Structure formats: structure tokens, C-alpha cells
C-alpha atoms as a PDB file:
ATOM      1  CA  MET A   1       0.054   0.147  -0.009  1.00  0.00           C
ATOM      2  CA  GLU A   2       1.223   3.492  -1.130  1.00  0.00           C
ATOM      3  CA  ILE A   3       1.890   5.833   1.748  1.00  0.00           C
ATOM      4  CA  THR A   4       0.200   9.132   0.947  1.00  0.00           C
ATOM      5  CA  ALA A   5       2.324  12.508   1.708  1.00  0.00           C
ATOM      6  CA  VAL A   6      -0.299  15.258   3.024  1.00  0.00           C
ATOM      7  CA  LEU A   7       0.966  18.973   2.933  1.00  0.00           C
ATOM      8  CA  GLU A   8      -0.230  20.803   5.915  1.00  0.00           C
ATOM      9  CA  PRO A   9       0.395  24.568   6.405  1.00  0.00           C
ATOM     10  CA  TRP A  10       3.381  25.383   8.457  1.00  0.00           C
ATOM     11  CA  THR A  11       2.547  26.724  11.818  1.00  0.00           C
ATOM     12  CA  GLU A  12       4.291  28.164  14.923  1.00  0.00           C
ATOM     13  CA  ASP A  13       4.518  24.790  16.343  1.00  0.00           C
ATOM     14  CA  ASP A  14       6.614  23.433  13.528  1.00  0.00           C
ATOM     15  CA  PHE A  15       9.966  25.063  14.707  1.00  0.00           C
ATOM     16  CA  TRP A  16      11.016  21.613  16.102  1.00  0.00           C
ATOM     17  CA  LEU A  17      11.446  20.499  12.320  1.00  0.00           C
ATOM     18  CA  LEU A  18      13.583  23.073  11.767  1.00  0.00           C
ATOM     19  CA  LEU A  19      15.681  21.857  14.682  1.00  0.00           C
ATOM     20  CA  ARG A  20      15.790  18.449  13.269  1.00  0.00           C
ATOM     21  CA  LYS A  21      16.410  19.592   9.612  1.00  0.00           C
ATOM     22  CA  ASN A  22      19.508  21.627  11.213  1.00  0.00           C
ATOM     23  CA  GLU A  23      21.321  18.369  12.000  1.00  0.00           C
ATOM     24  CA  PRO A  24      24.615  17.871  10.049  1.00  0.00           C
ATOM     25  CA  ALA A  25      23.400  14.876   7.814  1.00  0.00           C
ATOM     26  CA  MET A  26      20.191  17.041   6.820  1.00  0.00           C
ATOM     27  CA  THR A  27      22.550  20.045   6.005  1.00  0.00           C
ATOM     28  CA  GLU A  28      25.325  18.317   4.127  1.00  0.00           C
ATOM     29  CA  HIS A  29      24.193  19.905   0.739  1.00  0.00           C
ATOM     30  CA  LEU A  30      22.889  23.152   2.067  1.00  0.00           C
ATOM     31  CA  GLY A  31      26.276  24.640   3.722  1.00  0.00           C
ATOM     32  CA  GLY A  32      25.997  23.036   7.083  1.00  0.00           C
ATOM     33  CA  PRO A  33      23.960  23.721  10.211  1.00  0.00           C
ATOM     34  CA  GLU A  34      22.710  27.222  10.955  1.00  0.00           C
ATOM     35  CA  THR A  35      22.765  29.152  14.129  1.00  0.00           C
ATOM     36  CA  MET A  36      19.695  29.356  16.269  1.00  0.00           C
ATOM     37  CA  ALA A  37      19.020  33.005  15.405  1.00  0.00           C
ATOM     38  CA  LYS A  38      19.089  31.731  11.649  1.00  0.00           C
ATOM     39  CA  LEU A  39      16.711  29.060  12.533  1.00  0.00           C
ATOM     40  CA  GLU A  40      14.245  31.367  14.322  1.00  0.00           C
ATOM     41  CA  ASP A  41      14.625  33.871  11.533  1.00  0.00           C
ATOM     42  CA  ARG A  42      13.797  31.043   9.003  1.00  0.00           C
ATOM     43  CA  HIS A  43      10.723  30.124  11.146  1.00  0.00           C
ATOM     44  CA  ARG A  44       9.402  33.629  11.025  1.00  0.00           C
ATOM     45  CA  ARG A  45       9.897  33.853   7.341  1.00  0.00           C
ATOM     46  CA  TYR A  46       8.152  30.595   6.732  1.00  0.00           C
ATOM     47  CA  LEU A  47       5.169  31.820   8.872  1.00  0.00           C
ATOM     48  CA  ALA A  48       5.074  34.986   6.954  1.00  0.00           C
ATOM     49  CA  LEU A  49       5.196  33.498   3.800  1.00  0.00           C
ATOM     50  CA  SER A  50       2.100  31.334   4.572  1.00  0.00           C
ATOM     51  CA  ALA A  51       0.424  34.531   5.943  1.00  0.00           C
ATOM     52  CA  ARG A  52       0.668  36.246   2.627  1.00  0.00           C
ATOM     53  CA  GLU A  53      -1.655  35.650  -0.486  1.00  0.00           C
ATOM     54  CA  PRO A  54      -1.603  32.083  -1.724  1.00  0.00           C
ATOM     55  CA  ALA A  55       0.122  33.079  -4.950  1.00  0.00           C
ATOM     56  CA  ALA A  56       3.161  34.174  -3.007  1.00  0.00           C
ATOM     57  CA  GLY A  57       4.089  30.835  -2.003  1.00  0.00           C
ATOM     58  CA  ARG A  58       3.681  28.463   0.995  1.00  0.00           C
ATOM     59  CA  MET A  59       5.744  26.356   3.371  1.00  0.00           C
ATOM     60  CA  PHE A  60       4.154  23.169   4.409  1.00  0.00           C
ATOM     61  CA  ARG A  61       4.789  20.242   6.911  1.00  0.00           C
ATOM     62  CA  VAL A  62       4.862  16.683   5.192  1.00  0.00           C
ATOM     63  CA  VAL A  63       2.526  14.374   7.037  1.00  0.00           C
ATOM     64  CA  ALA A  64       2.373  10.739   6.320  1.00  0.00           C
ATOM     65  CA  ASP A  65       0.329   8.334   8.287  1.00  0.00           C
ATOM     66  CA  GLY A  66      -0.365  10.836  10.709  1.00  0.00           C
ATOM     67  CA  GLU A  67       3.073  11.703  11.505  1.00  0.00           C
ATOM     68  CA  SER A  68       5.314  14.764  10.408  1.00  0.00           C
ATOM     69  CA  VAL A  69       8.001  13.552   8.338  1.00  0.00           C
ATOM     70  CA  GLY A  70       9.659  16.794   7.001  1.00  0.00           C
ATOM     71  CA  SER A  71       8.748  20.095   4.862  1.00  0.00           C
ATOM     72  CA  ILE A  72       8.449  21.370   1.590  1.00  0.00           C
ATOM     73  CA  GLY A  73       7.633  24.799   0.111  1.00  0.00           C
ATOM     74  CA  PHE A  74       7.619  27.139  -2.878  1.00  0.00           C
ATOM     75  CA  TRP A  75       8.328  30.869  -2.914  1.00  0.00           C
ATOM     76  CA  GLU A  76       8.712  33.530  -5.633  1.00  0.00           C
ATOM     77  CA  ARG A  77      11.889  34.317  -7.496  1.00  0.00           C
ATOM     78  CA  VAL A  78      13.222  35.507 -10.536  1.00  0.00           C
ATOM     79  CA  TRP A  79      15.378  33.061 -12.586  1.00  0.00           C
ATOM     80  CA  GLN A  80      17.108  33.944 -15.801  1.00  0.00           C
ATOM     81  CA  GLY A  81      14.764  36.836 -16.374  1.00  0.00           C
ATOM     82  CA  GLU A  82      11.565  34.939 -15.688  1.00  0.00           C
ATOM     83  CA  GLU A  83       9.156  35.155 -12.781  1.00  0.00           C
ATOM     84  CA  VAL A  84       9.007  31.649 -11.394  1.00  0.00           C
ATOM     85  CA  TYR A  85       8.661  29.644  -8.190  1.00  0.00           C
ATOM     86  CA  GLU A  86      11.656  27.793  -6.470  1.00  0.00           C
ATOM     87  CA  THR A  87      10.948  24.721  -4.332  1.00  0.00           C
ATOM     88  CA  GLY A  88      12.813  22.857  -1.653  1.00  0.00           C
ATOM     89  CA  TRP A  89      12.114  20.137   0.580  1.00  0.00           C
ATOM     90  CA  ALA A  90      13.538  17.922   3.495  1.00  0.00           C
ATOM     91  CA  ILE A  91      12.455  14.555   4.593  1.00  0.00           C
ATOM     92  CA  LEU A  92      13.585  13.481   8.176  1.00  0.00           C
ATOM     93  CA  PRO A  93      16.295  10.527   7.914  1.00  0.00           C
ATOM     94  CA  GLU A  94      14.197   7.834   9.509  1.00  0.00           C
ATOM     95  CA  PHE A  95      11.546   8.526   6.782  1.00  0.00           C
ATOM     96  CA  GLN A  96      13.917   8.908   3.707  1.00  0.00           C
ATOM     97  CA  GLY A  97      13.657   6.127   1.007  1.00  0.00           C
ATOM     98  CA  ARG A  98       9.849   5.638   0.996  1.00  0.00           C
ATOM     99  CA  ARG A  99       9.385   8.223  -1.941  1.00  0.00           C
ATOM    100  CA  LEU A 100       7.736  10.681   0.434  1.00  0.00           C
ATOM    101  CA  ALA A 101       9.722  13.609  -0.945  1.00  0.00           C
ATOM    102  CA  ALA A 102       8.541  12.722  -4.401  1.00  0.00           C
ATOM    103  CA  ARG A 103       4.951  12.434  -3.431  1.00  0.00           C
ATOM    104  CA  ALA A 104       5.249  15.720  -1.534  1.00  0.00           C
ATOM    105  CA  ALA A 105       6.784  17.346  -4.631  1.00  0.00           C
ATOM    106  CA  ARG A 106       3.884  16.263  -6.884  1.00  0.00           C
ATOM    107  CA  ALA A 107       1.276  17.537  -4.224  1.00  0.00           C
ATOM    108  CA  LEU A 108       3.076  20.768  -4.188  1.00  0.00           C
ATOM    109  CA  VAL A 109       3.211  20.954  -7.856  1.00  0.00           C
ATOM    110  CA  ALA A 110      -0.625  20.487  -8.054  1.00  0.00           C
ATOM    111  CA  HIS A 111      -1.009  23.000  -5.061  1.00  0.00           C
ATOM    112  CA  ALA A 112       1.084  25.682  -6.920  1.00  0.00           C
ATOM    113  CA  GLY A 113      -0.602  25.059  -9.965  1.00  0.00           C
ATOM    114  CA  VAL A 114      -3.990  25.862  -8.721  1.00  0.00           C
ATOM    115  CA  HIS A 115      -2.963  28.755  -6.199  1.00  0.00           C
ATOM    116  CA  GLY A 116      -0.098  30.215  -8.240  1.00  0.00           C
ATOM    117  CA  THR A 117       0.318  32.744 -10.649  1.00  0.00           C
ATOM    118  CA  ARG A 118       3.631  31.796 -12.147  1.00  0.00           C
ATOM    119  CA  ARG A 119       4.011  29.189 -15.039  1.00  0.00           C
ATOM    120  CA  HIS A 120       7.100  27.282 -13.924  1.00  0.00           C
ATOM    121  CA  LEU A 121       8.321  25.836 -10.673  1.00  0.00           C
ATOM    122  CA  HIS A 122      12.278  25.192 -10.453  1.00  0.00           C
ATOM    123  CA  ALA A 123      14.461  23.074  -7.983  1.00  0.00           C
ATOM    124  CA  PHE A 124      18.019  23.381  -7.840  1.00  0.00           C
ATOM    125  CA  PRO A 125      19.749  20.473  -6.095  1.00  0.00           C
ATOM    126  CA  GLY A 126      23.320  20.000  -6.120  1.00  0.00           C
ATOM    127  CA  VAL A 127      24.723  17.951  -9.113  1.00  0.00           C
ATOM    128  CA  ASP A 128      26.263  15.809  -6.269  1.00  0.00           C
ATOM    129  CA  HIS A 129      22.870  15.110  -4.398  1.00  0.00           C
ATOM    130  CA  PRO A 130      21.634  12.030  -6.223  1.00  0.00           C
ATOM    131  CA  ALA A 131      18.787  11.780  -3.974  1.00  0.00           C
ATOM    132  CA  SER A 132      17.331  15.077  -4.408  1.00  0.00           C
ATOM    133  CA  ASN A 133      17.755  14.703  -8.171  1.00  0.00           C
ATOM    134  CA  ALA A 134      15.954  11.456  -8.285  1.00  0.00           C
ATOM    135  CA  VAL A 135      13.152  13.250  -6.102  1.00  0.00           C
ATOM    136  CA  CYS A 136      12.881  15.968  -9.012  1.00  0.00           C
ATOM    137  CA  ARG A 137      12.734  13.066 -11.729  1.00  0.00           C
ATOM    138  CA  ALA A 138      10.145  10.907  -9.815  1.00  0.00           C
ATOM    139  CA  ALA A 139       7.996  13.967  -9.137  1.00  0.00           C
ATOM    140  CA  GLY A 140       7.731  14.880 -13.200  1.00  0.00           C
ATOM    141  CA  PHE A 141      10.076  17.845 -13.289  1.00  0.00           C
ATOM    142  CA  VAL A 142      12.494  18.136 -16.444  1.00  0.00           C
ATOM    143  CA  LEU A 143      15.952  18.553 -16.262  1.00  0.00           C
ATOM    144  CA  LEU A 144      17.069  21.792 -17.930  1.00  0.00           C
ATOM    145  CA  GLY A 145      20.819  21.293 -17.322  1.00  0.00           C
ATOM    146  CA  GLU A 146      23.686  22.035 -14.957  1.00  0.00           C
ATOM    147  CA  VAL A 147      23.786  25.705 -13.633  1.00  0.00           C
ATOM    148  CA  ARG A 148      25.913  27.587 -10.927  1.00  0.00           C
ATOM    149  CA  PHE A 149      23.539  28.385  -8.044  1.00  0.00           C
ATOM    150  CA  GLU A 150      24.086  30.360  -4.820  1.00  0.00           C
ATOM    151  CA  TYR A 151      22.904  28.742  -1.723  1.00  0.00           C
ATOM    152  CA  PRO A 152      23.490  29.499   0.882  1.00  0.00           C
ATOM    153  CA  PRO A 153      24.124  33.306   0.258  1.00  0.00           C
ATOM    154  CA  GLY A 154      27.775  33.566  -0.759  1.00  0.00           C
ATOM    155  CA  GLN A 155      28.215  29.833  -1.530  1.00  0.00           C
ATOM    156  CA  TRP A 156      28.143  29.109  -5.448  1.00  0.00           C
ATOM    157  CA  HIS A 157      27.869  25.517  -6.428  1.00  0.00           C
ATOM    158  CA  ALA A 158      26.998  23.263  -9.307  1.00  0.00           C
ATOM    159  CA  SER A 159      23.357  22.479  -9.399  1.00  0.00           C
ATOM    160  CA  SER A 160      20.894  20.751 -11.442  1.00  0.00           C
ATOM    161  CA  ASP A 161      17.965  23.070 -12.815  1.00  0.00           C
ATOM    162  CA  TRP A 162      14.869  20.994 -12.831  1.00  0.00           C
ATOM    163  CA  ARG A 163      11.515  22.509 -13.866  1.00  0.00           C
ATOM    164  CA  ALA A 164       7.905  21.689 -13.705  1.00  0.00           C
ATOM    165  CA  VAL A 165       5.289  23.471 -15.458  1.00  0.00           C
ATOM    166  CA  LEU A 166       2.192  24.446 -13.591  1.00  0.00           C
ATOM    167  CA  GLY A 167      -1.346  24.406 -14.536  1.00  0.00           C
ATOM    168  CA  ASP A 168      -2.577  22.686 -17.820  1.00  0.00           C
ATOM    169  CA  GLY A 169       0.973  22.886 -19.447  1.00  0.00           C
ATOM    170  CA  ALA A 170      -0.544  23.793 -22.847  1.00  0.00           C
ATOM    171  CA  ASP A 171       2.283  26.686 -23.294  1.00  0.00           C
ATOM    172  CA  ALA A 172       5.149  24.856 -21.599  1.00  0.00           C
END
């Protein structure tokens, strides 16, 4: 039986997920753990994002079988001159390998397609991160190629540029 990944809006009570996602194993491809002050700031940004109009983006807690297993979100950005959305996710180590990130990414694409105003959703996993690249592939994103991407600020690395078309896809 396939486990469903349900997206629930990020709330004040979800700070513990940021603490779990800040462990070295979870931040290896993201520049390493952040300070408590940066985590508190990230939490405030997640709450503020989800308080804006739906087209601005959202952060979600990923829930499977009634248990919080990670997070996923999307936000506005300009990429190569186009107004797009960017996405990112993290599934806690004890829940990895169950295709939950791909299921959450598919649910996010559907959500952004209904509530968003931008045509494309991009993900930028490092080329050295096979698991996140596999999530993109399994979620139906199309690989556009390798790009130099800055994350966290000041750290440039080789990333894959994956794109999903939102809405009906007629003018992809």
C-alpha cells in the first residue's frame, strides 16, 4: 500500500522540524547547520510566507500516516529573467527512502498550479546530491541542465536546474 504525503500549512508549532532539519546529515548539501538565530529567522519567514496571499508561495509540513516527516515549500523568485517559483524540501532521515519527498513534490506542483500565478516551478539540487535529483525526476520535473547556483548566500555550487510546468501545461 502506498503511503500518501499530505501537505499541511506551516504553523508556530513546527519549529521543532527546523531543529531536526538542522542536523549535520540534513544540511550536508545546504552549507551546514545554521545558528539558532538563523533558524528562528527562517521560522518567522516561513510563517510570514504562509500568511501572504496564496500566490506568493507557502511552506508546508509533510505528513504521512499521521506523522510529521519533513517539510516542503515554494516561493517567488526571478530566474534567468523569468518570474518563477522555487521549491525545496527535506524529509527526516528515519522517513527517507519511502518516496515521500517525490509524493510531496507532486502534491506541491498540484497546489502551486491551482493557487499560483507563475508558469514554472524550479528546483536546484546540487549535482552531487543524487537523492534530491531523483526526487525531481520522480515528481515529473524536467532537467534543463547544470547551472551555477548560490545557496546559501555567498556559496556557489554546481546545481541541476529542474523545472515543472504549472497549470495545464499547454504553453510549456
